[in-house]
Amino acid sequence: MKKAKGYSEVLQELEGLLDRMNRGEIPIDELEETVRSAAGKIRILKERLKATEAEITKVLREIEEETDSGGDDR
């Protein structure tokens, strides 16, 4: 089974596409497909950021609840 690409790898791919577009290296016949690919990568990155933010918020909330209830896991 194929492993999902990490955030950094997807970001690097997006940056590569943007660099090629900015340098005018994308033939007009490939431009639509390239823009769609870039948009897909942006969606993936946004979803990963949202998921990471949600997980961090959850962890911080758990820590706060432990502190409020007097729990000490040392």
PDB file of N, CA and C in Angstrom:
ATOM      1  N   MET A   1       0.840  -1.187   0.000  1.00  0.00           N
ATOM      2  CA  MET A   1       0.000   0.000   0.000  1.00  0.00           C
ATOM      3  C   MET A   1       0.888   1.254   0.000  1.00  0.00           C
ATOM      4  N   LYS A   2       0.460   2.263  -0.713  1.00  0.00           N
ATOM      5  CA  LYS A   2       1.232   3.480  -0.873  1.00  0.00           C
ATOM      6  C   LYS A   2       1.115   4.363   0.374  1.00  0.00           C
ATOM      7  N   LYS A   3       2.260   4.802   0.887  1.00  0.00           N
ATOM      8  CA  LYS A   3       2.283   5.679   2.057  1.00  0.00           C
ATOM      9  C   LYS A   3       1.972   7.116   1.635  1.00  0.00           C
ATOM     10  N   ALA A   4       1.146   7.792   2.429  1.00  0.00           N
ATOM     11  CA  ALA A   4       0.801   9.182   2.128  1.00  0.00           C
ATOM     12  C   ALA A   4       2.045  10.063   2.246  1.00  0.00           C
ATOM     13  N   LYS A   5       2.147  11.030   1.377  1.00  0.00           N
ATOM     14  CA  LYS A   5       3.280  11.948   1.412  1.00  0.00           C
ATOM     15  C   LYS A   5       3.153  12.866   2.617  1.00  0.00           C
ATOM     16  N   GLY A   6       4.277  13.223   3.171  1.00  0.00           N
ATOM     17  CA  GLY A   6       4.297  14.138   4.306  1.00  0.00           C
ATOM     18  C   GLY A   6       4.093  15.577   3.864  1.00  0.00           C
ATOM     19  N   TYR A   7       3.796  16.419   4.825  1.00  0.00           N
ATOM     20  CA  TYR A   7       3.544  17.838   4.572  1.00  0.00           C
ATOM     21  C   TYR A   7       4.719  18.470   3.830  1.00  0.00           C
ATOM     22  N   SER A   8       5.928  18.226   4.329  1.00  0.00           N
ATOM     23  CA  SER A   8       7.114  18.846   3.730  1.00  0.00           C
ATOM     24  C   SER A   8       7.310  18.418   2.280  1.00  0.00           C
ATOM     25  N   GLU A   9       7.044  17.156   1.999  1.00  0.00           N
ATOM     26  CA  GLU A   9       7.205  16.658   0.635  1.00  0.00           C
ATOM     27  C   GLU A   9       6.191  17.305  -0.312  1.00  0.00           C
ATOM     28  N   VAL A  10       4.946  17.411   0.135  1.00  0.00           N
ATOM     29  CA  VAL A  10       3.907  18.036  -0.697  1.00  0.00           C
ATOM     30  C   VAL A  10       4.227  19.518  -0.903  1.00  0.00           C
ATOM     31  N   LEU A  11       4.681  20.180   0.161  1.00  0.00           N
ATOM     32  CA  LEU A  11       5.035  21.596   0.053  1.00  0.00           C
ATOM     33  C   LEU A  11       6.183  21.788  -0.934  1.00  0.00           C
ATOM     34  N   GLN A  12       7.169  20.914  -0.872  1.00  0.00           N
ATOM     35  CA  GLN A  12       8.296  21.001  -1.797  1.00  0.00           C
ATOM     36  C   GLN A  12       7.828  20.817  -3.249  1.00  0.00           C
ATOM     37  N   GLU A  13       6.925  19.876  -3.465  1.00  0.00           N
ATOM     38  CA  GLU A  13       6.386  19.672  -4.812  1.00  0.00           C
ATOM     39  C   GLU A  13       5.642  20.914  -5.291  1.00  0.00           C
ATOM     40  N   LEU A  14       4.840  21.509  -4.409  1.00  0.00           N
ATOM     41  CA  LEU A  14       4.102  22.723  -4.759  1.00  0.00           C
ATOM     42  C   LEU A  14       5.064  23.854  -5.105  1.00  0.00           C
ATOM     43  N   GLU A  15       6.085  24.026  -4.286  1.00  0.00           N
ATOM     44  CA  GLU A  15       7.066  25.078  -4.558  1.00  0.00           C
ATOM     45  C   GLU A  15       7.749  24.854  -5.903  1.00  0.00           C
ATOM     46  N   GLY A  16       8.040  23.594  -6.228  1.00  0.00           N
ATOM     47  CA  GLY A  16       8.645  23.281  -7.524  1.00  0.00           C
ATOM     48  C   GLY A  16       7.736  23.654  -8.682  1.00  0.00           C
ATOM     49  N   LEU A  17       6.439  23.326  -8.537  1.00  0.00           N
ATOM     50  CA  LEU A  17       5.479  23.705  -9.583  1.00  0.00           C
ATOM     51  C   LEU A  17       5.403  25.214  -9.737  1.00  0.00           C
ATOM     52  N   LEU A  18       5.333  25.917  -8.619  1.00  0.00           N
ATOM     53  CA  LEU A  18       5.238  27.377  -8.674  1.00  0.00           C
ATOM     54  C   LEU A  18       6.485  27.994  -9.291  1.00  0.00           C
ATOM     55  N   ASP A  19       7.649  27.457  -8.955  1.00  0.00           N
ATOM     56  CA  ASP A  19       8.890  27.964  -9.556  1.00  0.00           C
ATOM     57  C   ASP A  19       8.870  27.782 -11.071  1.00  0.00           C
ATOM     58  N   ARG A  20       8.462  26.597 -11.522  1.00  0.00           N
ATOM     59  CA  ARG A  20       8.401  26.329 -12.965  1.00  0.00           C
ATOM     60  C   ARG A  20       7.404  27.267 -13.645  1.00  0.00           C
ATOM     61  N   MET A  21       6.267  27.507 -12.989  1.00  0.00           N
ATOM     62  CA  MET A  21       5.266  28.410 -13.567  1.00  0.00           C
ATOM     63  C   MET A  21       5.816  29.831 -13.642  1.00  0.00           C
ATOM     64  N   ASN A  22       6.468  30.281 -12.571  1.00  0.00           N
ATOM     65  CA  ASN A  22       7.015  31.642 -12.544  1.00  0.00           C
ATOM     66  C   ASN A  22       8.116  31.848 -13.578  1.00  0.00           C
ATOM     67  N   ARG A  23       8.843  30.804 -13.898  1.00  0.00           N
ATOM     68  CA  ARG A  23       9.904  30.901 -14.903  1.00  0.00           C
ATOM     69  C   ARG A  23       9.363  30.705 -16.320  1.00  0.00           C
ATOM     70  N   GLY A  24       8.077  30.431 -16.435  1.00  0.00           N
ATOM     71  CA  GLY A  24       7.473  30.244 -17.749  1.00  0.00           C
ATOM     72  C   GLY A  24       7.846  28.927 -18.403  1.00  0.00           C
ATOM     73  N   GLU A  25       8.160  27.922 -17.583  1.00  0.00           N
ATOM     74  CA  GLU A  25       8.594  26.626 -18.107  1.00  0.00           C
ATOM     75  C   GLU A  25       7.453  25.654 -18.377  1.00  0.00           C
ATOM     76  N   ILE A  26       6.234  26.042 -18.054  1.00  0.00           N
ATOM     77  CA  ILE A  26       5.089  25.157 -18.262  1.00  0.00           C
ATOM     78  C   ILE A  26       4.466  25.493 -19.614  1.00  0.00           C
ATOM     79  N   PRO A  27       4.473  24.542 -20.543  1.00  0.00           N
ATOM     80  CA  PRO A  27       3.825  24.794 -21.840  1.00  0.00           C
ATOM     81  C   PRO A  27       2.333  25.062 -21.636  1.00  0.00           C
ATOM     82  N   ILE A  28       1.776  25.904 -22.445  1.00  0.00           N
ATOM     83  CA  ILE A  28       0.366  26.284 -22.329  1.00  0.00           C
ATOM     84  C   ILE A  28      -0.543  25.057 -22.347  1.00  0.00           C
ATOM     85  N   ASP A  29      -0.151  24.019 -23.082  1.00  0.00           N
ATOM     86  CA  ASP A  29      -0.952  22.799 -23.142  1.00  0.00           C
ATOM     87  C   ASP A  29      -0.981  22.052 -21.814  1.00  0.00           C
ATOM     88  N   GLU A  30      -0.023  22.327 -20.941  1.00  0.00           N
ATOM     89  CA  GLU A  30       0.049  21.659 -19.643  1.00  0.00           C
ATOM     90  C   GLU A  30      -0.366  22.568 -18.483  1.00  0.00           C
ATOM     91  N   LEU A  31      -0.640  23.817 -18.793  1.00  0.00           N
ATOM     92  CA  LEU A  31      -0.897  24.799 -17.737  1.00  0.00           C
ATOM     93  C   LEU A  31      -2.126  24.460 -16.904  1.00  0.00           C
ATOM     94  N   GLU A  32      -3.222  24.096 -17.539  1.00  0.00           N
ATOM     95  CA  GLU A  32      -4.440  23.781 -16.783  1.00  0.00           C
ATOM     96  C   GLU A  32      -4.190  22.624 -15.823  1.00  0.00           C
ATOM     97  N   GLU A  33      -3.569  21.568 -16.312  1.00  0.00           N
ATOM     98  CA  GLU A  33      -3.280  20.401 -15.470  1.00  0.00           C
ATOM     99  C   GLU A  33      -2.339  20.783 -14.318  1.00  0.00           C
ATOM    100  N   THR A  34      -1.367  21.620 -14.592  1.00  0.00           N
ATOM    101  CA  THR A  34      -0.408  22.043 -13.572  1.00  0.00           C
ATOM    102  C   THR A  34      -1.092  22.876 -12.495  1.00  0.00           C
ATOM    103  N   VAL A  35      -1.969  23.771 -12.911  1.00  0.00           N
ATOM    104  CA  VAL A  35      -2.702  24.603 -11.950  1.00  0.00           C
ATOM    105  C   VAL A  35      -3.617  23.728 -11.093  1.00  0.00           C
ATOM    106  N   ARG A  36      -4.269  22.752 -11.701  1.00  0.00           N
ATOM    107  CA  ARG A  36      -5.120  21.832 -10.940  1.00  0.00           C
ATOM    108  C   ARG A  36      -4.287  21.025  -9.942  1.00  0.00           C
ATOM    109  N   SER A  37      -3.120  20.593 -10.355  1.00  0.00           N
ATOM    110  CA  SER A  37      -2.224  19.853  -9.475  1.00  0.00           C
ATOM    111  C   SER A  37      -1.795  20.732  -8.292  1.00  0.00           C
ATOM    112  N   ALA A  38      -1.440  21.969  -8.577  1.00  0.00           N
ATOM    113  CA  ALA A  38      -1.039  22.904  -7.523  1.00  0.00           C
ATOM    114  C   ALA A  38      -2.198  23.136  -6.553  1.00  0.00           C
ATOM    115  N   ALA A  39      -3.397  23.303  -7.078  1.00  0.00           N
ATOM    116  CA  ALA A  39      -4.572  23.520  -6.231  1.00  0.00           C
ATOM    117  C   ALA A  39      -4.825  22.302  -5.335  1.00  0.00           C
ATOM    118  N   GLY A  40      -4.650  21.112  -5.884  1.00  0.00           N
ATOM    119  CA  GLY A  40      -4.820  19.896  -5.086  1.00  0.00           C
ATOM    120  C   GLY A  40      -3.814  19.825  -3.959  1.00  0.00           C
ATOM    121  N   LYS A  41      -2.582  20.212  -4.239  1.00  0.00           N
ATOM    122  CA  LYS A  41      -1.547  20.209  -3.208  1.00  0.00           C
ATOM    123  C   LYS A  41      -1.866  21.239  -2.125  1.00  0.00           C
ATOM    124  N   ILE A  42      -2.378  22.389  -2.516  1.00  0.00           N
ATOM    125  CA  ILE A  42      -2.770  23.413  -1.541  1.00  0.00           C
ATOM    126  C   ILE A  42      -3.874  22.876  -0.639  1.00  0.00           C
ATOM    127  N   ARG A  43      -4.845  22.165  -1.222  1.00  0.00           N
ATOM    128  CA  ARG A  43      -5.924  21.574  -0.412  1.00  0.00           C
ATOM    129  C   ARG A  43      -5.365  20.580   0.602  1.00  0.00           C
ATOM    130  N   ILE A  44      -4.450  19.726   0.150  1.00  0.00           N
ATOM    131  CA  ILE A  44      -3.839  18.742   1.049  1.00  0.00           C
ATOM    132  C   ILE A  44      -3.126  19.442   2.200  1.00  0.00           C
ATOM    133  N   LEU A  45      -2.361  20.468   1.882  1.00  0.00           N
ATOM    134  CA  LEU A  45      -1.613  21.193   2.911  1.00  0.00           C
ATOM    135  C   LEU A  45      -2.555  21.864   3.909  1.00  0.00           C
ATOM    136  N   LYS A  46      -3.626  22.476   3.410  1.00  0.00           N
ATOM    137  CA  LYS A  46      -4.597  23.122   4.305  1.00  0.00           C
ATOM    138  C   LYS A  46      -5.263  22.104   5.222  1.00  0.00           C
ATOM    139  N   GLU A  47      -5.622  20.937   4.673  1.00  0.00           N
ATOM    140  CA  GLU A  47      -6.255  19.893   5.487  1.00  0.00           C
ATOM    141  C   GLU A  47      -5.308  19.395   6.570  1.00  0.00           C
ATOM    142  N   ARG A  48      -4.041  19.219   6.204  1.00  0.00           N
ATOM    143  CA  ARG A  48      -3.057  18.760   7.196  1.00  0.00           C
ATOM    144  C   ARG A  48      -2.863  19.803   8.291  1.00  0.00           C
ATOM    145  N   LEU A  49      -2.818  21.074   7.925  1.00  0.00           N
ATOM    146  CA  LEU A  49      -2.678  22.137   8.924  1.00  0.00           C
ATOM    147  C   LEU A  49      -3.869  22.162   9.870  1.00  0.00           C
ATOM    148  N   LYS A  50      -5.079  22.030   9.312  1.00  0.00           N
ATOM    149  CA  LYS A  50      -6.283  22.023  10.152  1.00  0.00           C
ATOM    150  C   LYS A  50      -6.284  20.835  11.093  1.00  0.00           C
ATOM    151  N   ALA A  51      -5.897  19.656  10.587  1.00  0.00           N
ATOM    152  CA  ALA A  51      -5.859  18.454  11.423  1.00  0.00           C
ATOM    153  C   ALA A  51      -4.821  18.603  12.531  1.00  0.00           C
ATOM    154  N   THR A  52      -3.683  19.172  12.198  1.00  0.00           N
ATOM    155  CA  THR A  52      -2.632  19.384  13.195  1.00  0.00           C
ATOM    156  C   THR A  52      -3.093  20.374  14.247  1.00  0.00           C
ATOM    157  N   GLU A  53      -3.735  21.446  13.825  1.00  0.00           N
ATOM    158  CA  GLU A  53      -4.248  22.437  14.767  1.00  0.00           C
ATOM    159  C   GLU A  53      -5.271  21.814  15.707  1.00  0.00           C
ATOM    160  N   ALA A  54      -6.156  20.978  15.166  1.00  0.00           N
ATOM    161  CA  ALA A  54      -7.176  20.322  15.987  1.00  0.00           C
ATOM    162  C   ALA A  54      -6.525  19.397  17.009  1.00  0.00           C
ATOM    163  N   GLU A  55      -5.516  18.661  16.605  1.00  0.00           N
ATOM    164  CA  GLU A  55      -4.840  17.737  17.517  1.00  0.00           C
ATOM    165  C   GLU A  55      -4.093  18.497  18.609  1.00  0.00           C
ATOM    166  N   ILE A  56      -3.436  19.584  18.255  1.00  0.00           N
ATOM    167  CA  ILE A  56      -2.732  20.393  19.248  1.00  0.00           C
ATOM    168  C   ILE A  56      -3.721  20.989  20.236  1.00  0.00           C
ATOM    169  N   THR A  57      -4.837  21.490  19.736  1.00  0.00           N
ATOM    170  CA  THR A  57      -5.871  22.045  20.610  1.00  0.00           C
ATOM    171  C   THR A  57      -6.381  20.978  21.571  1.00  0.00           C
ATOM    172  N   LYS A  58      -6.585  19.766  21.074  1.00  0.00           N
ATOM    173  CA  LYS A  58      -7.044  18.653  21.908  1.00  0.00           C
ATOM    174  C   LYS A  58      -6.037  18.352  23.014  1.00  0.00           C
ATOM    175  N   VAL A  59      -4.776  18.269  22.664  1.00  0.00           N
ATOM    176  CA  VAL A  59      -3.735  17.968  23.647  1.00  0.00           C
ATOM    177  C   VAL A  59      -3.655  19.068  24.698  1.00  0.00           C
ATOM    178  N   LEU A  60      -3.688  20.310  24.261  1.00  0.00           N
ATOM    179  CA  LEU A  60      -3.629  21.424  25.212  1.00  0.00           C
ATOM    180  C   LEU A  60      -4.842  21.438  26.137  1.00  0.00           C
ATOM    181  N   ARG A  61      -6.005  21.111  25.591  1.00  0.00           N
ATOM    182  CA  ARG A  61      -7.216  21.040  26.401  1.00  0.00           C
ATOM    183  C   ARG A  61      -7.087  19.932  27.452  1.00  0.00           C
ATOM    184  N   GLU A  62      -6.541  18.787  27.054  1.00  0.00           N
ATOM    185  CA  GLU A  62      -6.339  17.680  27.997  1.00  0.00           C
ATOM    186  C   GLU A  62      -5.391  18.081  29.115  1.00  0.00           C
ATOM    187  N   ILE A  63      -4.332  18.781  28.758  1.00  0.00           N
ATOM    188  CA  ILE A  63      -3.376  19.239  29.770  1.00  0.00           C
ATOM    189  C   ILE A  63      -4.048  20.203  30.731  1.00  0.00           C
ATOM    190  N   GLU A  64      -4.838  21.110  30.188  1.00  0.00           N
ATOM    191  CA  GLU A  64      -5.528  22.079  31.025  1.00  0.00           C
ATOM    192  C   GLU A  64      -6.519  21.394  31.957  1.00  0.00           C
ATOM    193  N   GLU A  65      -7.238  20.389  31.446  1.00  0.00           N
ATOM    194  CA  GLU A  65      -8.187  19.653  32.275  1.00  0.00           C
ATOM    195  C   GLU A  65      -7.478  18.906  33.396  1.00  0.00           C
ATOM    196  N   GLU A  66      -6.311  18.337  33.092  1.00  0.00           N
ATOM    197  CA  GLU A  66      -5.529  17.641  34.111  1.00  0.00           C
ATOM    198  C   GLU A  66      -5.091  18.633  35.192  1.00  0.00           C
ATOM    199  N   THR A  67      -4.677  19.829  34.766  1.00  0.00           N
ATOM    200  CA  THR A  67      -4.229  20.852  35.702  1.00  0.00           C
ATOM    201  C   THR A  67      -5.395  21.327  36.567  1.00  0.00           C
ATOM    202  N   ASP A  68      -6.554  21.539  35.932  1.00  0.00           N
ATOM    203  CA  ASP A  68      -7.728  22.026  36.655  1.00  0.00           C
ATOM    204  C   ASP A  68      -8.235  20.999  37.669  1.00  0.00           C
ATOM    205  N   SER A  69      -8.088  19.712  37.341  1.00  0.00           N
ATOM    206  CA  SER A  69      -8.598  18.672  38.235  1.00  0.00           C
ATOM    207  C   SER A  69      -7.545  18.241  39.265  1.00  0.00           C
ATOM    208  N   GLY A  70      -6.370  18.854  39.188  1.00  0.00           N
ATOM    209  CA  GLY A  70      -5.333  18.531  40.167  1.00  0.00           C
ATOM    210  C   GLY A  70      -4.559  17.283  39.841  1.00  0.00           C
ATOM    211  N   GLY A  71      -4.747  16.729  38.656  1.00  0.00           N
ATOM    212  CA  GLY A  71      -4.031  15.513  38.261  1.00  0.00           C
ATOM    213  C   GLY A  71      -2.561  15.804  38.021  1.00  0.00           C
ATOM    214  N   ASP A  72      -1.722  14.865  38.431  1.00  0.00           N
ATOM    215  CA  ASP A  72      -0.280  15.011  38.260  1.00  0.00           C
ATOM    216  C   ASP A  72       0.265  13.648  37.858  1.00  0.00           C
ATOM    217  N   ASP A  73       0.721  13.512  36.632  1.00  0.00           N
ATOM    218  CA  ASP A  73       1.171  12.220  36.115  1.00  0.00           C
ATOM    219  C   ASP A  73       2.660  12.004  36.242  1.00  0.00           C
ATOM    220  N   ARG A  74       3.323  12.695  37.165  1.00  0.00           N
ATOM    221  CA  ARG A  74       4.769  12.514  37.319  1.00  0.00           C
ATOM    222  C   ARG A  74       5.107  11.256  38.009  1.00  0.00           C
TER     223      ARG A  74
END
